[in-house]
Amino acid sequence: MTYLSVIVKPVITEKSTAHNAHNKHVFEVKRDADKTTIKKAFEEIYKVKATDVRTHIIPKKTRLVRRGRELTKRPVTKRAIITVEKGKTIDPNKIK
Protein backbone atom coordinates (compact mmCIF):
# COMPACT_ATOMS: atom_id res chain seq x y z
CA MET A 1 0.00 0.00 0.00
CA THR A 2 1.51 3.31 -1.05
CA TYR A 3 1.10 6.47 0.97
CA LEU A 4 -0.91 8.18 -1.74
CA SER A 5 -3.52 5.42 -1.66
CA VAL A 6 -4.06 5.59 2.14
CA ILE A 7 -5.80 8.98 2.23
CA VAL A 8 -8.81 8.87 -0.09
CA LYS A 9 -10.21 12.42 0.10
CA PRO A 10 -10.78 15.31 2.49
CA VAL A 11 -14.12 15.51 4.26
CA ILE A 12 -15.69 18.94 3.93
CA THR A 13 -18.67 19.42 6.23
CA GLU A 14 -19.69 22.06 8.75
CA LYS A 15 -18.18 20.09 11.58
CA SER A 16 -14.89 19.42 9.80
CA THR A 17 -14.62 23.10 8.85
CA ALA A 18 -15.03 23.99 12.53
CA HIS A 19 -12.15 21.60 13.34
CA ASN A 20 -9.86 23.59 11.01
CA ALA A 21 -9.87 26.47 13.50
CA HIS A 22 -8.18 24.13 16.02
CA ASN A 23 -5.52 22.84 13.57
CA LYS A 24 -7.45 19.61 12.92
CA HIS A 25 -8.23 18.23 9.48
CA VAL A 26 -10.64 15.41 8.60
CA PHE A 27 -9.91 12.89 5.85
CA GLU A 28 -11.57 9.74 4.56
CA VAL A 29 -9.01 6.93 4.65
CA LYS A 30 -8.81 3.28 3.59
CA ARG A 31 -10.55 0.95 5.98
CA ASP A 32 -7.50 -1.25 6.60
CA ALA A 33 -5.12 1.66 7.33
CA ASP A 34 -3.83 2.04 10.87
CA LYS A 35 -2.90 5.25 12.69
CA THR A 36 0.85 5.08 12.05
CA THR A 37 0.34 4.51 8.33
CA ILE A 38 -2.12 7.41 8.15
CA LYS A 39 0.32 9.69 9.99
CA LYS A 40 3.22 8.77 7.69
CA ALA A 41 1.05 9.23 4.59
CA PHE A 42 -0.13 12.65 5.78
CA GLU A 43 3.40 13.82 6.52
CA GLU A 44 4.62 12.52 3.15
CA ILE A 45 1.88 14.27 1.16
CA TYR A 46 1.69 17.61 2.98
CA LYS A 47 5.26 17.91 4.37
CA VAL A 48 3.84 18.99 7.77
CA LYS A 49 4.32 17.16 11.07
CA ALA A 50 1.16 15.57 12.49
CA THR A 51 0.95 15.57 16.27
CA ASP A 52 -2.14 13.37 16.75
CA VAL A 53 -4.30 11.00 14.69
CA ARG A 54 -7.75 9.87 15.74
CA THR A 55 -9.85 7.46 13.69
CA HIS A 56 -13.43 6.34 13.70
CA ILE A 57 -15.53 4.10 11.50
CA ILE A 58 -18.79 5.44 10.09
CA PRO A 59 -21.32 2.58 9.96
CA LYS A 60 -23.38 1.85 6.88
CA LYS A 61 -26.63 3.72 6.60
CA THR A 62 -29.83 2.77 4.83
CA ARG A 63 -32.41 5.31 3.78
CA LEU A 64 -35.54 5.56 1.70
CA VAL A 65 -35.65 7.86 -1.29
CA ARG A 66 -38.42 8.85 -3.70
CA ARG A 67 -41.32 8.61 -1.31
CA GLY A 68 -40.16 5.32 0.16
CA ARG A 69 -39.88 3.43 -3.12
CA GLU A 70 -36.13 2.90 -3.18
CA LEU A 71 -33.83 1.70 -0.46
CA THR A 72 -30.25 2.94 -0.78
CA LYS A 73 -27.27 1.87 1.31
CA ARG A 74 -24.22 3.97 2.04
CA PRO A 75 -21.02 1.97 2.50
CA VAL A 76 -18.96 1.72 5.68
CA THR A 77 -16.21 4.34 5.69
CA LYS A 78 -13.32 5.26 7.96
CA ARG A 79 -12.35 8.82 8.85
CA ALA A 80 -9.21 10.22 10.42
CA ILE A 81 -8.97 13.47 12.34
CA ILE A 82 -5.37 14.66 12.06
CA THR A 83 -3.99 17.38 14.33
CA VAL A 84 -1.24 19.55 12.83
CA GLU A 85 1.47 21.51 14.64
CA LYS A 86 0.34 24.90 15.90
CA GLY A 87 0.83 27.67 13.36
CA LYS A 88 1.04 25.34 10.32
CA THR A 89 -1.59 25.28 7.57
CA ILE A 90 -2.29 22.89 4.70
CA ASP A 91 -4.37 22.81 1.53
CA PRO A 92 -6.64 19.76 1.97
CA ASN A 93 -7.49 19.67 -1.74
CA LYS A 94 -3.89 18.87 -2.67
CA ILE A 95 -4.47 15.12 -3.03
CA LYS A 96 -7.42 15.33 -5.41
PDB file of N, CA and C in Angstrom:
ATOM      1  N   MET A   1       0.848  -1.169   0.000  1.00  0.00           N
ATOM      2  CA  MET A   1       0.000   0.000   0.000  1.00  0.00           C
ATOM      3  C   MET A   1       0.899   1.239   0.000  1.00  0.00           C
ATOM      4  N   THR A   2       0.716   2.092  -0.991  1.00  0.00           N
ATOM      5  CA  THR A   2       1.506   3.312  -1.048  1.00  0.00           C
ATOM      6  C   THR A   2       0.844   4.391  -0.197  1.00  0.00           C
ATOM      7  N   TYR A   3       1.628   5.406   0.130  1.00  0.00           N
ATOM      8  CA  TYR A   3       1.105   6.469   0.975  1.00  0.00           C
ATOM      9  C   TYR A   3       0.021   7.276   0.278  1.00  0.00           C
ATOM     10  N   LEU A   4       0.110   7.416  -1.028  1.00  0.00           N
ATOM     11  CA  LEU A   4      -0.913   8.181  -1.739  1.00  0.00           C
ATOM     12  C   LEU A   4      -2.259   7.464  -1.766  1.00  0.00           C
ATOM     13  N   SER A   5      -2.254   6.143  -1.623  1.00  0.00           N
ATOM     14  CA  SER A   5      -3.520   5.417  -1.656  1.00  0.00           C
ATOM     15  C   SER A   5      -4.173   5.298  -0.283  1.00  0.00           C
ATOM     16  N   VAL A   6      -3.498   5.698   0.786  1.00  0.00           N
ATOM     17  CA  VAL A   6      -4.063   5.590   2.138  1.00  0.00           C
ATOM     18  C   VAL A   6      -5.139   6.641   2.360  1.00  0.00           C
ATOM     19  N   ILE A   7      -4.835   7.890   2.047  1.00  0.00           N
ATOM     20  CA  ILE A   7      -5.797   8.979   2.234  1.00  0.00           C
ATOM     21  C   ILE A   7      -6.623   9.110   0.961  1.00  0.00           C
ATOM     22  N   VAL A   8      -7.934   8.889   1.082  1.00  0.00           N
ATOM     23  CA  VAL A   8      -8.813   8.874  -0.089  1.00  0.00           C
ATOM     24  C   VAL A   8      -9.196  10.290  -0.506  1.00  0.00           C
ATOM     25  N   LYS A   9      -9.783  11.056   0.431  1.00  0.00           N
ATOM     26  CA  LYS A   9     -10.213  12.419   0.104  1.00  0.00           C
ATOM     27  C   LYS A   9     -10.461  13.197   1.389  1.00  0.00           C
ATOM     28  N   PRO A  10     -10.433  14.518   1.306  1.00  0.00           N
ATOM     29  CA  PRO A  10     -10.775  15.311   2.486  1.00  0.00           C
ATOM     30  C   PRO A  10     -12.291  15.336   2.684  1.00  0.00           C
ATOM     31  N   VAL A  11     -12.697  15.422   3.932  1.00  0.00           N
ATOM     32  CA  VAL A  11     -14.121  15.506   4.264  1.00  0.00           C
ATOM     33  C   VAL A  11     -14.427  16.967   4.541  1.00  0.00           C
ATOM     34  N   ILE A  12     -15.351  17.532   3.774  1.00  0.00           N
ATOM     35  CA  ILE A  12     -15.694  18.942   3.932  1.00  0.00           C
ATOM     36  C   ILE A  12     -17.156  19.033   4.356  1.00  0.00           C
ATOM     37  N   THR A  13     -17.347  19.237   5.655  1.00  0.00           N
ATOM     38  CA  THR A  13     -18.668  19.418   6.235  1.00  0.00           C
ATOM     39  C   THR A  13     -18.583  20.600   7.193  1.00  0.00           C
ATOM     40  N   GLU A  14     -19.708  20.965   7.781  1.00  0.00           N
ATOM     41  CA  GLU A  14     -19.690  22.060   8.748  1.00  0.00           C
ATOM     42  C   GLU A  14     -18.818  21.720   9.950  1.00  0.00           C
ATOM     43  N   LYS A  15     -18.938  20.500  10.406  1.00  0.00           N
ATOM     44  CA  LYS A  15     -18.180  20.091  11.584  1.00  0.00           C
ATOM     45  C   LYS A  15     -16.682  20.025  11.290  1.00  0.00           C
ATOM     46  N   SER A  16     -16.311  19.499  10.120  1.00  0.00           N
ATOM     47  CA  SER A  16     -14.886  19.419   9.798  1.00  0.00           C
ATOM     48  C   SER A  16     -14.293  20.803   9.546  1.00  0.00           C
ATOM     49  N   THR A  17     -15.084  21.723   9.037  1.00  0.00           N
ATOM     50  CA  THR A  17     -14.619  23.096   8.848  1.00  0.00           C
ATOM     51  C   THR A  17     -14.395  23.770  10.208  1.00  0.00           C
ATOM     52  N   ALA A  18     -15.218  23.457  11.185  1.00  0.00           N
ATOM     53  CA  ALA A  18     -15.028  23.995  12.535  1.00  0.00           C
ATOM     54  C   ALA A  18     -13.754  23.435  13.166  1.00  0.00           C
ATOM     55  N   HIS A  19     -13.393  22.192  12.826  1.00  0.00           N
ATOM     56  CA  HIS A  19     -12.147  21.599  13.337  1.00  0.00           C
ATOM     57  C   HIS A  19     -10.919  22.333  12.805  1.00  0.00           C
ATOM     58  N   ASN A  20     -11.016  22.905  11.609  1.00  0.00           N
ATOM     59  CA  ASN A  20      -9.865  23.586  11.011  1.00  0.00           C
ATOM     60  C   ASN A  20      -9.371  24.754  11.860  1.00  0.00           C
ATOM     61  N   ALA A  21     -10.260  25.367  12.624  1.00  0.00           N
ATOM     62  CA  ALA A  21      -9.865  26.473  13.495  1.00  0.00           C
ATOM     63  C   ALA A  21      -8.950  26.001  14.632  1.00  0.00           C
ATOM     64  N   HIS A  22      -8.998  24.703  14.941  1.00  0.00           N
ATOM     65  CA  HIS A  22      -8.183  24.125  16.016  1.00  0.00           C
ATOM     66  C   HIS A  22      -7.040  23.277  15.465  1.00  0.00           C
ATOM     67  N   ASN A  23      -6.608  23.564  14.227  1.00  0.00           N
ATOM     68  CA  ASN A  23      -5.516  22.842  13.565  1.00  0.00           C
ATOM     69  C   ASN A  23      -5.810  21.355  13.381  1.00  0.00           C
ATOM     70  N   LYS A  24      -7.072  21.005  13.162  1.00  0.00           N
ATOM     71  CA  LYS A  24      -7.454  19.611  12.921  1.00  0.00           C
ATOM     72  C   LYS A  24      -8.073  19.514  11.538  1.00  0.00           C
ATOM     73  N   HIS A  25      -7.720  18.443  10.833  1.00  0.00           N
ATOM     74  CA  HIS A  25      -8.229  18.231   9.481  1.00  0.00           C
ATOM     75  C   HIS A  25      -8.797  16.824   9.388  1.00  0.00           C
ATOM     76  N   VAL A  26      -9.935  16.682   8.688  1.00  0.00           N
ATOM     77  CA  VAL A  26     -10.641  15.414   8.601  1.00  0.00           C
ATOM     78  C   VAL A  26     -10.477  14.852   7.194  1.00  0.00           C
ATOM     79  N   PHE A  27     -10.098  13.569   7.123  1.00  0.00           N
ATOM     80  CA  PHE A  27      -9.911  12.889   5.846  1.00  0.00           C
ATOM     81  C   PHE A  27     -10.599  11.538   5.877  1.00  0.00           C
ATOM     82  N   GLU A  28     -11.082  11.107   4.709  1.00  0.00           N
ATOM     83  CA  GLU A  28     -11.565   9.744   4.565  1.00  0.00           C
ATOM     84  C   GLU A  28     -10.363   8.905   4.179  1.00  0.00           C
ATOM     85  N   VAL A  29     -10.176   7.777   4.875  1.00  0.00           N
ATOM     86  CA  VAL A  29      -9.011   6.927   4.652  1.00  0.00           C
ATOM     87  C   VAL A  29      -9.464   5.504   4.326  1.00  0.00           C
ATOM     88  N   LYS A  30      -8.518   4.695   3.866  1.00  0.00           N
ATOM     89  CA  LYS A  30      -8.812   3.285   3.587  1.00  0.00           C
ATOM     90  C   LYS A  30      -9.178   2.592   4.882  1.00  0.00           C
ATOM     91  N   ARG A  31     -10.045   1.619   4.792  1.00  0.00           N
ATOM     92  CA  ARG A  31     -10.555   0.950   5.983  1.00  0.00           C
ATOM     93  C   ARG A  31      -9.487   0.141   6.706  1.00  0.00           C
ATOM     94  N   ASP A  32      -8.514  -0.404   5.974  1.00  0.00           N
ATOM     95  CA  ASP A  32      -7.499  -1.249   6.598  1.00  0.00           C
ATOM     96  C   ASP A  32      -6.257  -0.472   7.053  1.00  0.00           C
ATOM     97  N   ALA A  33      -6.266   0.850   6.931  1.00  0.00           N
ATOM     98  CA  ALA A  33      -5.120   1.664   7.330  1.00  0.00           C
ATOM     99  C   ALA A  33      -5.118   1.881   8.842  1.00  0.00           C
ATOM    100  N   ASP A  34      -3.929   1.774   9.443  1.00  0.00           N
ATOM    101  CA  ASP A  34      -3.825   2.039  10.869  1.00  0.00           C
ATOM    102  C   ASP A  34      -3.291   3.458  11.103  1.00  0.00           C
ATOM    103  N   LYS A  35      -3.235   3.870  12.363  1.00  0.00           N
ATOM    104  CA  LYS A  35      -2.897   5.254  12.688  1.00  0.00           C
ATOM    105  C   LYS A  35      -1.483   5.638  12.261  1.00  0.00           C
ATOM    106  N   THR A  36      -0.525   4.740  12.427  1.00  0.00           N
ATOM    107  CA  THR A  36       0.846   5.080  12.055  1.00  0.00           C
ATOM    108  C   THR A  36       0.988   5.228  10.547  1.00  0.00           C
ATOM    109  N   THR A  37       0.299   4.399   9.792  1.00  0.00           N
ATOM    110  CA  THR A  37       0.338   4.511   8.332  1.00  0.00           C
ATOM    111  C   THR A  37      -0.318   5.800   7.870  1.00  0.00           C
ATOM    112  N   ILE A  38      -1.428   6.163   8.494  1.00  0.00           N
ATOM    113  CA  ILE A  38      -2.125   7.408   8.149  1.00  0.00           C
ATOM    114  C   ILE A  38      -1.234   8.610   8.455  1.00  0.00           C
ATOM    115  N   LYS A  39      -0.557   8.582   9.602  1.00  0.00           N
ATOM    116  CA  LYS A  39       0.317   9.685   9.987  1.00  0.00           C
ATOM    117  C   LYS A  39       1.480   9.832   9.011  1.00  0.00           C
ATOM    118  N   LYS A  40       2.107   8.727   8.630  1.00  0.00           N
ATOM    119  CA  LYS A  40       3.222   8.771   7.686  1.00  0.00           C
ATOM    120  C   LYS A  40       2.766   9.251   6.312  1.00  0.00           C
ATOM    121  N   ALA A  41       1.585   8.805   5.885  1.00  0.00           N
ATOM    122  CA  ALA A  41       1.054   9.234   4.586  1.00  0.00           C
ATOM    123  C   ALA A  41       0.764  10.730   4.588  1.00  0.00           C
ATOM    124  N   PHE A  42       0.176  11.225   5.670  1.00  0.00           N
ATOM    125  CA  PHE A  42      -0.134  12.653   5.782  1.00  0.00           C
ATOM    126  C   PHE A  42       1.140  13.488   5.732  1.00  0.00           C
ATOM    127  N   GLU A  43       2.141  13.082   6.492  1.00  0.00           N
ATOM    128  CA  GLU A  43       3.395  13.823   6.522  1.00  0.00           C
ATOM    129  C   GLU A  43       4.118  13.766   5.181  1.00  0.00           C
ATOM    130  N   GLU A  44       3.992  12.653   4.468  1.00  0.00           N
ATOM    131  CA  GLU A  44       4.620  12.520   3.152  1.00  0.00           C
ATOM    132  C   GLU A  44       3.949  13.421   2.121  1.00  0.00           C
ATOM    133  N   ILE A  45       2.626  13.499   2.153  1.00  0.00           N
ATOM    134  CA  ILE A  45       1.881  14.274   1.159  1.00  0.00           C
ATOM    135  C   ILE A  45       2.001  15.774   1.421  1.00  0.00           C
ATOM    136  N   TYR A  46       1.779  16.191   2.671  1.00  0.00           N
ATOM    137  CA  TYR A  46       1.691  17.614   2.984  1.00  0.00           C
ATOM    138  C   TYR A  46       2.979  18.226   3.521  1.00  0.00           C
ATOM    139  N   LYS A  47       3.976  17.422   3.848  1.00  0.00           N
ATOM    140  CA  LYS A  47       5.259  17.913   4.374  1.00  0.00           C
ATOM    141  C   LYS A  47       5.084  18.735   5.652  1.00  0.00           C
ATOM    142  N   VAL A  48       4.121  18.336   6.480  1.00  0.00           N
ATOM    143  CA  VAL A  48       3.837  18.989   7.765  1.00  0.00           C
ATOM    144  C   VAL A  48       3.767  17.903   8.828  1.00  0.00           C
ATOM    145  N   LYS A  49       4.321  18.150  10.004  1.00  0.00           N
ATOM    146  CA  LYS A  49       4.315  17.158  11.069  1.00  0.00           C
ATOM    147  C   LYS A  49       2.941  17.058  11.717  1.00  0.00           C
ATOM    148  N   ALA A  50       2.435  15.829  11.822  1.00  0.00           N
ATOM    149  CA  ALA A  50       1.157  15.568  12.486  1.00  0.00           C
ATOM    150  C   ALA A  50       1.437  15.207  13.938  1.00  0.00           C
ATOM    151  N   THR A  51       0.720  15.836  14.856  1.00  0.00           N
ATOM    152  CA  THR A  51       0.946  15.572  16.274  1.00  0.00           C
ATOM    153  C   THR A  51       0.011  14.504  16.817  1.00  0.00           C
ATOM    154  N   ASP A  52      -1.177  14.346  16.231  1.00  0.00           N
ATOM    155  CA  ASP A  52      -2.144  13.374  16.746  1.00  0.00           C
ATOM    156  C   ASP A  52      -3.022  12.877  15.612  1.00  0.00           C
ATOM    157  N   VAL A  53      -3.389  11.599  15.673  1.00  0.00           N
ATOM    158  CA  VAL A  53      -4.300  11.002  14.688  1.00  0.00           C
ATOM    159  C   VAL A  53      -5.379  10.243  15.440  1.00  0.00           C
ATOM    160  N   ARG A  54      -6.613  10.578  15.160  1.00  0.00           N
ATOM    161  CA  ARG A  54      -7.751   9.868  15.745  1.00  0.00           C
ATOM    162  C   ARG A  54      -8.590   9.316  14.599  1.00  0.00           C
ATOM    163  N   THR A  55      -9.061   8.092  14.753  1.00  0.00           N
ATOM    164  CA  THR A  55      -9.846   7.460  13.688  1.00  0.00           C
ATOM    165  C   THR A  55     -11.186   6.999  14.239  1.00  0.00           C
ATOM    166  N   HIS A  56     -12.156   6.946  13.362  1.00  0.00           N
ATOM    167  CA  HIS A  56     -13.433   6.343  13.703  1.00  0.00           C
ATOM    168  C   HIS A  56     -14.085   5.804  12.439  1.00  0.00           C
ATOM    169  N   ILE A  57     -14.870   4.752  12.621  1.00  0.00           N
ATOM    170  CA  ILE A  57     -15.532   4.095  11.501  1.00  0.00           C
ATOM    171  C   ILE A  57     -16.982   4.551  11.461  1.00  0.00           C
ATOM    172  N   ILE A  58     -17.406   5.011  10.292  1.00  0.00           N
ATOM    173  CA  ILE A  58     -18.786   5.442  10.089  1.00  0.00           C
ATOM    174  C   ILE A  58     -19.574   4.216   9.626  1.00  0.00           C
ATOM    175  N   PRO A  59     -20.587   3.773  10.370  1.00  0.00           N
ATOM    176  CA  PRO A  59     -21.322   2.578   9.965  1.00  0.00           C
ATOM    177  C   PRO A  59     -22.170   2.812   8.718  1.00  0.00           C
ATOM    178  N   LYS A  60     -22.550   1.706   8.081  1.00  0.00           N
ATOM    179  CA  LYS A  60     -23.377   1.848   6.882  1.00  0.00           C
ATOM    180  C   LYS A  60     -24.744   2.391   7.269  1.00  0.00           C
ATOM    181  N   LYS A  61     -25.368   3.063   6.326  1.00  0.00           N
ATOM    182  CA  LYS A  61     -26.632   3.718   6.605  1.00  0.00           C
ATOM    183  C   LYS A  61     -27.604   3.395   5.477  1.00  0.00           C
ATOM    184  N   THR A  62     -28.799   3.008   5.832  1.00  0.00           N
ATOM    185  CA  THR A  62     -29.828   2.769   4.828  1.00  0.00           C
ATOM    186  C   THR A  62     -30.860   3.879   4.916  1.00  0.00           C
ATOM    187  N   ARG A  63     -31.384   4.267   3.784  1.00  0.00           N
ATOM    188  CA  ARG A  63     -32.411   5.306   3.782  1.00  0.00           C
ATOM    189  C   ARG A  63     -33.335   5.111   2.596  1.00  0.00           C
ATOM    190  N   LEU A  64     -34.536   5.630   2.757  1.00  0.00           N
ATOM    191  CA  LEU A  64     -35.537   5.556   1.703  1.00  0.00           C
ATOM    192  C   LEU A  64     -35.512   6.842   0.896  1.00  0.00           C
ATOM    193  N   VAL A  65     -35.590   6.698  -0.416  1.00  0.00           N
ATOM    194  CA  VAL A  65     -35.649   7.862  -1.289  1.00  0.00           C
ATOM    195  C   VAL A  65     -36.850   7.713  -2.207  1.00  0.00           C
ATOM    196  N   ARG A  66     -37.269   8.810  -2.790  1.00  0.00           N
ATOM    197  CA  ARG A  66     -38.416   8.853  -3.702  1.00  0.00           C
ATOM    198  C   ARG A  66     -39.683   8.288  -3.070  1.00  0.00           C
ATOM    199  N   ARG A  67     -40.086   8.942  -2.022  1.00  0.00           N
ATOM    200  CA  ARG A  67     -41.318   8.609  -1.308  1.00  0.00           C
ATOM    201  C   ARG A  67     -41.350   7.156  -0.830  1.00  0.00           C
ATOM    202  N   GLY A  68     -40.214   6.656  -0.421  1.00  0.00           N
ATOM    203  CA  GLY A  68     -40.162   5.322   0.165  1.00  0.00           C
ATOM    204  C   GLY A  68     -40.119   4.195  -0.845  1.00  0.00           C
ATOM    205  N   ARG A  69     -39.871   4.481  -2.090  1.00  0.00           N
ATOM    206  CA  ARG A  69     -39.878   3.426  -3.116  1.00  0.00           C
ATOM    207  C   ARG A  69     -38.530   2.728  -3.261  1.00  0.00           C
ATOM    208  N   GLU A  70     -37.466   3.450  -3.001  1.00  0.00           N
ATOM    209  CA  GLU A  70     -36.131   2.902  -3.182  1.00  0.00           C
ATOM    210  C   GLU A  70     -35.394   2.873  -1.866  1.00  0.00           C
ATOM    211  N   LEU A  71     -34.650   1.818  -1.642  1.00  0.00           N
ATOM    212  CA  LEU A  71     -33.831   1.695  -0.455  1.00  0.00           C
ATOM    213  C   LEU A  71     -32.376   1.784  -0.889  1.00  0.00           C
ATOM    214  N   THR A  72     -31.660   2.801  -0.426  1.00  0.00           N
ATOM    215  CA  THR A  72     -30.248   2.944  -0.775  1.00  0.00           C
ATOM    216  C   THR A  72     -29.400   2.666   0.452  1.00  0.00           C
ATOM    217  N   LYS A  73     -28.185   2.183   0.220  1.00  0.00           N
ATOM    218  CA  LYS A  73     -27.266   1.875   1.309  1.00  0.00           C
ATOM    219  C   LYS A  73     -25.961   2.610   1.080  1.00  0.00           C
ATOM    220  N   ARG A  74     -25.524   3.326   2.089  1.00  0.00           N
ATOM    221  CA  ARG A  74     -24.224   3.968   2.040  1.00  0.00           C
ATOM    222  C   ARG A  74     -23.204   2.987   2.608  1.00  0.00           C
ATOM    223  N   PRO A  75     -22.019   2.936   2.021  1.00  0.00           N
ATOM    224  CA  PRO A  75     -21.021   1.972   2.502  1.00  0.00           C
ATOM    225  C   PRO A  75     -20.384   2.390   3.827  1.00  0.00           C
ATOM    226  N   VAL A  76     -19.711   1.442   4.457  1.00  0.00           N
ATOM    227  CA  VAL A  76     -18.964   1.715   5.677  1.00  0.00           C
ATOM    228  C   VAL A  76     -17.693   2.461   5.290  1.00  0.00           C
ATOM    229  N   THR A  77     -17.411   3.566   5.963  1.00  0.00           N
ATOM    230  CA  THR A  77     -16.205   4.339   5.685  1.00  0.00           C
ATOM    231  C   THR A  77     -15.428   4.571   6.976  1.00  0.00           C
ATOM    232  N   LYS A  78     -14.179   4.950   6.812  1.00  0.00           N
ATOM    233  CA  LYS A  78     -13.323   5.259   7.957  1.00  0.00           C
ATOM    234  C   LYS A  78     -12.798   6.668   7.788  1.00  0.00           C
ATOM    235  N   ARG A  79     -12.834   7.446   8.874  1.00  0.00           N
ATOM    236  CA  ARG A  79     -12.346   8.823   8.850  1.00  0.00           C
ATOM    237  C   ARG A  79     -11.227   8.996   9.857  1.00  0.00           C
ATOM    238  N   ALA A  80     -10.323   9.904   9.521  1.00  0.00           N
ATOM    239  CA  ALA A  80      -9.214  10.221  10.416  1.00  0.00           C
ATOM    240  C   ALA A  80      -9.220  11.719  10.676  1.00  0.00           C
ATOM    241  N   ILE A  81      -9.100  12.072  11.952  1.00  0.00           N
ATOM    242  CA  ILE A  81      -8.967  13.471  12.339  1.00  0.00           C
ATOM    243  C   ILE A  81      -7.493  13.667  12.705  1.00  0.00           C
ATOM    244  N   ILE A  82      -6.807  14.481  11.906  1.00  0.00           N
ATOM    245  CA  ILE A  82      -5.367  14.659  12.056  1.00  0.00           C
ATOM    246  C   ILE A  82      -5.088  16.052  12.600  1.00  0.00           C
ATOM    247  N   THR A  83      -4.360  16.111  13.712  1.00  0.00           N
ATOM    248  CA  THR A  83      -3.987  17.381  14.327  1.00  0.00           C
ATOM    249  C   THR A  83      -2.602  17.776  13.829  1.00  0.00           C
ATOM    250  N   VAL A  84      -2.483  19.018  13.384  1.00  0.00           N
ATOM    251  CA  VAL A  84      -1.241  19.549  12.828  1.00  0.00           C
ATOM    252  C   VAL A  84      -0.575  20.436  13.873  1.00  0.00           C
ATOM    253  N   GLU A  85       0.743  20.623  13.739  1.00  0.00           N
ATOM    254  CA  GLU A  85       1.466  21.514  14.641  1.00  0.00           C
ATOM    255  C   GLU A  85       0.831  22.896  14.651  1.00  0.00           C
ATOM    256  N   LYS A  86       0.926  23.565  15.773  1.00  0.00           N
ATOM    257  CA  LYS A  86       0.342  24.896  15.905  1.00  0.00           C
ATOM    258  C   LYS A  86       1.053  25.879  14.971  1.00  0.00           C
ATOM    259  N   GLY A  87       0.277  26.678  14.270  1.00  0.00           N
ATOM    260  CA  GLY A  87       0.833  27.674  13.358  1.00  0.00           C
ATOM    261  C   GLY A  87       1.033  27.175  11.938  1.00  0.00           C
ATOM    262  N   LYS A  88       0.866  25.890  11.671  1.00  0.00           N
ATOM    263  CA  LYS A  88       1.036  25.342  10.321  1.00  0.00           C
ATOM    264  C   LYS A  88      -0.331  25.225   9.647  1.00  0.00           C
ATOM    265  N   THR A  89      -0.364  25.435   8.327  1.00  0.00           N
ATOM    266  CA  THR A  89      -1.592  25.283   7.567  1.00  0.00           C
ATOM    267  C   THR A  89      -1.331  24.380   6.378  1.00  0.00           C
ATOM    268  N   ILE A  90      -2.397  23.756   5.874  1.00  0.00           N
ATOM    269  CA  ILE A  90      -2.289  22.886   4.705  1.00  0.00           C
ATOM    270  C   ILE A  90      -3.422  23.212   3.742  1.00  0.00           C
ATOM    271  N   ASP A  91      -3.295  22.731   2.518  1.00  0.00           N
ATOM    272  CA  ASP A  91      -4.373  22.805   1.535  1.00  0.00           C
ATOM    273  C   ASP A  91      -4.939  21.396   1.408  1.00  0.00           C
ATOM    274  N   PRO A  92      -6.128  21.120   1.985  1.00  0.00           N
ATOM    275  CA  PRO A  92      -6.644  19.758   1.973  1.00  0.00           C
ATOM    276  C   PRO A  92      -6.992  19.230   0.587  1.00  0.00           C
ATOM    277  N   ASN A  93      -7.141  20.108  -0.398  1.00  0.00           N
ATOM    278  CA  ASN A  93      -7.492  19.667  -1.744  1.00  0.00           C
ATOM    279  C   ASN A  93      -6.275  19.257  -2.570  1.00  0.00           C
ATOM    280  N   LYS A  94      -5.120  19.192  -1.947  1.00  0.00           N
ATOM    281  CA  LYS A  94      -3.885  18.874  -2.667  1.00  0.00           C
ATOM    282  C   LYS A  94      -3.884  17.462  -3.246  1.00  0.00           C
ATOM    283  N   ILE A  95      -4.541  16.517  -2.590  1.00  0.00           N
ATOM    284  CA  ILE A  95      -4.466  15.120  -3.033  1.00  0.00           C
ATOM    285  C   ILE A  95      -5.492  14.757  -4.074  1.00  0.00           C
ATOM    286  N   LYS A  96      -6.386  15.655  -4.431  1.00  0.00           N
ATOM    287  CA  LYS A  96      -7.420  15.335  -5.412  1.00  0.00           C
ATOM    288  C   LYS A  96      -6.833  15.103  -6.770  1.00  0.00           C
TER     289      LYS A  96
END
